[in-house]
Amino acid sequence: MSKQTKKEIYSWAKTIVFCFLLVFICRQFVYAPIIVDGKAMMPTLENNNRILVNKITSIDRFDVIVFHSPVSSAYYIKRVIGLSGDNIEVKDDSLYVNGKKYDEPYLQANKEILAESHLTADLKETVPEGYLYVMGDNRLKSNDSRLFGVISKEDVVGKAALRVFSF
């Protein structure tokens, strides 16, 4: 094998190792692929949707996040309704955060299907510091903060950044 061929092989090997290392670092610290399991976020996300989760972004109200379930070993995906210190109230199927009414357009499809019933029972909750209040978009099929309480910010994996592809 010629010296030039060896240099070329070495150069390609370095490039391949660098690419694998870059992908590994991104996967561990920046983005993670997640497969949606269940109907709790329908119609926003459906069962078996693939999403990329951004692990290094800040979390805001109404972001869709992935977190470690407080009741099982699974990951859950839900929408952030309340941030630390927020007073959450649902009254007559309307959401109020700190006394301000918020529209929830992601619930519209389910409200049209179930026009005669409420999606969310009335509730009042204050979110403690260091915690988030989360709910699924498919309120009648979602196990969320209404069932297991607030979640610790430390349990958050990241924010759903991109739906990669759906089946």
Protein backbone atom coordinates (compact mmCIF):
# COMPACT_ATOMS: atom_id res chain seq x y z
CA MET A 1 0.00 0.00 0.00
CA SER A 2 1.39 3.38 -0.96
CA LYS A 3 2.09 6.16 1.50
CA GLN A 4 -0.57 8.33 -0.18
CA THR A 5 -3.23 5.61 0.22
CA LYS A 6 -2.37 5.20 3.92
CA LYS A 7 -2.70 8.96 4.42
CA GLU A 8 -6.10 8.93 2.74
CA ILE A 9 -7.34 6.00 4.85
CA TYR A 10 -6.09 7.70 8.01
CA SER A 11 -7.80 10.95 7.01
CA TRP A 12 -11.11 9.15 6.38
CA ALA A 13 -10.82 7.25 9.67
CA LYS A 14 -10.27 10.51 11.59
CA THR A 15 -13.30 12.05 9.89
CA ILE A 16 -15.52 9.07 10.70
CA VAL A 17 -14.39 8.97 14.35
CA PHE A 18 -14.98 12.73 14.65
CA CYS A 19 -18.50 12.38 13.20
CA PHE A 20 -19.40 9.53 15.58
CA LEU A 21 -18.04 11.52 18.51
CA LEU A 22 -20.05 14.59 17.46
CA VAL A 23 -23.26 12.54 17.15
CA PHE A 24 -22.62 10.92 20.55
CA ILE A 25 -22.09 14.28 22.26
CA CYS A 26 -25.21 15.77 20.64
CA ARG A 27 -27.28 12.72 21.60
CA GLN A 28 -26.08 12.73 25.20
CA PHE A 29 -26.17 16.45 25.95
CA VAL A 30 -28.19 18.38 23.34
CA TYR A 31 -30.90 16.36 21.55
CA ALA A 32 -32.58 13.03 22.21
CA PRO A 33 -35.00 11.13 19.98
CA ILE A 34 -38.23 10.05 21.70
CA ILE A 35 -41.14 7.95 20.42
CA VAL A 36 -44.56 9.10 21.65
CA ASP A 37 -46.36 6.24 23.40
CA GLY A 38 -50.06 6.79 23.99
CA LYS A 39 -52.90 9.16 23.22
CA ALA A 40 -52.47 11.73 26.00
CA MET A 41 -51.20 14.48 23.66
CA MET A 42 -53.61 13.92 20.76
CA PRO A 43 -54.19 15.62 18.40
CA THR A 44 -50.93 17.58 18.85
CA LEU A 45 -48.83 14.41 18.99
CA GLU A 46 -50.09 10.96 18.11
CA ASN A 47 -49.03 7.50 19.19
CA ASN A 48 -45.70 6.48 17.57
CA ASN A 49 -44.77 10.02 16.48
CA ARG A 50 -41.01 10.53 16.63
CA ILE A 51 -39.78 13.77 18.13
CA LEU A 52 -36.45 15.37 18.96
CA VAL A 53 -36.16 16.71 22.48
CA ASN A 54 -33.91 19.72 23.10
CA LYS A 55 -32.15 19.14 26.42
CA ILE A 56 -30.55 22.57 26.82
CA THR A 57 -33.35 25.05 26.20
CA SER A 58 -35.39 26.92 28.80
CA ILE A 59 -38.95 25.83 29.57
CA ASP A 60 -41.85 28.26 29.18
CA ARG A 61 -45.58 28.02 29.78
CA PHE A 62 -47.36 25.93 27.11
CA ASP A 63 -44.16 24.22 25.93
CA VAL A 64 -44.45 20.49 25.31
CA ILE A 65 -41.87 18.73 27.48
CA VAL A 66 -40.56 15.23 28.14
CA PHE A 67 -39.89 14.24 31.76
CA HIS A 68 -39.29 11.22 33.95
CA SER A 69 -42.62 9.97 35.22
CA PRO A 70 -43.12 10.33 38.97
CA VAL A 71 -45.18 7.11 39.01
CA SER A 72 -43.25 4.74 36.71
CA SER A 73 -39.92 4.28 34.94
CA ALA A 74 -41.31 5.70 31.68
CA TYR A 75 -40.88 9.08 30.06
CA TYR A 76 -44.02 11.23 29.87
CA ILE A 77 -44.73 13.96 27.37
CA LYS A 78 -47.09 16.76 28.44
CA ARG A 79 -47.72 20.48 28.05
CA VAL A 80 -46.49 22.89 30.73
CA ILE A 81 -49.51 24.72 32.13
CA GLY A 82 -47.99 26.27 35.24
CA LEU A 83 -44.51 27.46 36.16
CA SER A 84 -43.04 27.83 39.65
CA GLY A 85 -45.15 30.22 41.73
CA ASP A 86 -48.16 30.19 39.38
CA ASN A 87 -51.73 29.91 40.62
CA ILE A 88 -53.57 27.55 38.26
CA GLU A 89 -57.35 27.46 38.05
CA VAL A 90 -59.66 25.67 35.66
CA LYS A 91 -63.24 26.85 35.87
CA ASP A 92 -66.00 25.87 33.44
CA ASP A 93 -63.37 24.34 31.13
CA SER A 94 -61.40 27.62 30.93
CA LEU A 95 -57.79 27.97 32.09
CA TYR A 96 -56.69 30.83 34.34
CA VAL A 97 -53.07 31.36 35.33
CA ASN A 98 -52.49 34.00 38.01
CA GLY A 99 -56.03 35.26 37.36
CA LYS A 100 -55.52 35.72 33.60
CA LYS A 101 -57.66 33.65 31.23
CA TYR A 102 -55.73 31.79 28.52
CA ASP A 103 -57.05 30.31 25.31
CA GLU A 104 -55.92 26.75 24.66
CA PRO A 105 -56.17 26.31 20.86
CA TYR A 106 -54.58 22.85 21.08
CA LEU A 107 -57.78 21.65 22.83
CA GLN A 108 -60.13 22.87 20.09
CA ALA A 109 -60.37 19.58 18.15
CA ASN A 110 -61.30 17.63 21.28
CA LYS A 111 -63.79 20.33 22.35
CA GLU A 112 -65.54 20.04 18.98
CA ILE A 113 -65.80 16.27 19.27
CA LEU A 114 -67.07 16.44 22.87
CA ALA A 115 -69.12 19.64 22.61
CA GLU A 116 -71.55 18.63 25.34
CA SER A 117 -68.99 17.83 28.05
CA HIS A 118 -66.07 19.47 29.84
CA LEU A 119 -62.55 18.29 29.05
CA THR A 120 -61.11 19.43 32.37
CA ALA A 121 -62.76 19.30 35.78
CA ASP A 122 -62.59 22.47 37.85
CA LEU A 123 -59.41 22.76 39.91
CA LYS A 124 -57.22 25.20 41.83
CA GLU A 125 -53.50 24.64 42.39
CA THR A 126 -50.46 26.68 43.35
CA VAL A 127 -47.19 25.49 41.80
CA PRO A 128 -44.33 25.36 44.36
CA GLU A 129 -40.87 26.73 43.55
CA GLY A 130 -38.79 24.28 41.54
CA TYR A 131 -41.85 22.52 40.09
CA LEU A 132 -44.08 22.56 37.00
CA TYR A 133 -47.77 21.79 36.49
CA VAL A 134 -48.34 19.72 33.34
CA MET A 135 -51.38 18.41 31.46
CA GLY A 136 -51.89 16.38 28.31
CA ASP A 137 -53.74 17.90 25.36
CA ASN A 138 -56.16 14.95 25.35
CA ARG A 139 -57.43 15.85 28.81
CA LEU A 140 -59.84 12.92 29.14
CA LYS A 141 -57.10 10.34 28.40
CA SER A 142 -54.11 11.92 30.15
CA ASN A 143 -52.40 10.98 33.40
CA ASP A 144 -50.85 14.28 34.39
CA SER A 145 -50.47 16.74 37.28
CA ARG A 146 -54.17 16.41 38.04
CA LEU A 147 -53.43 12.79 39.01
CA PHE A 148 -49.81 12.68 40.23
CA GLY A 149 -49.26 16.31 41.21
CA VAL A 150 -46.59 18.76 40.14
CA ILE A 151 -43.29 17.58 38.66
CA SER A 152 -39.81 18.63 39.68
CA LYS A 153 -37.86 20.70 37.17
CA GLU A 154 -35.01 18.26 37.80
CA ASP A 155 -37.08 15.47 36.21
CA VAL A 156 -37.41 17.36 32.91
CA VAL A 157 -35.46 15.78 30.04
CA GLY A 158 -36.16 18.67 27.67
CA LYS A 159 -38.56 20.46 25.36
CA ALA A 160 -40.09 18.83 22.29
CA ALA A 161 -38.32 20.65 19.49
CA LEU A 162 -39.21 18.86 16.29
CA ARG A 163 -41.48 16.10 15.05
CA VAL A 164 -39.08 14.06 12.94
CA PHE A 165 -41.55 11.83 11.12
CA SER A 166 -44.86 10.13 11.82
CA PHE A 167 -46.30 6.73 11.09
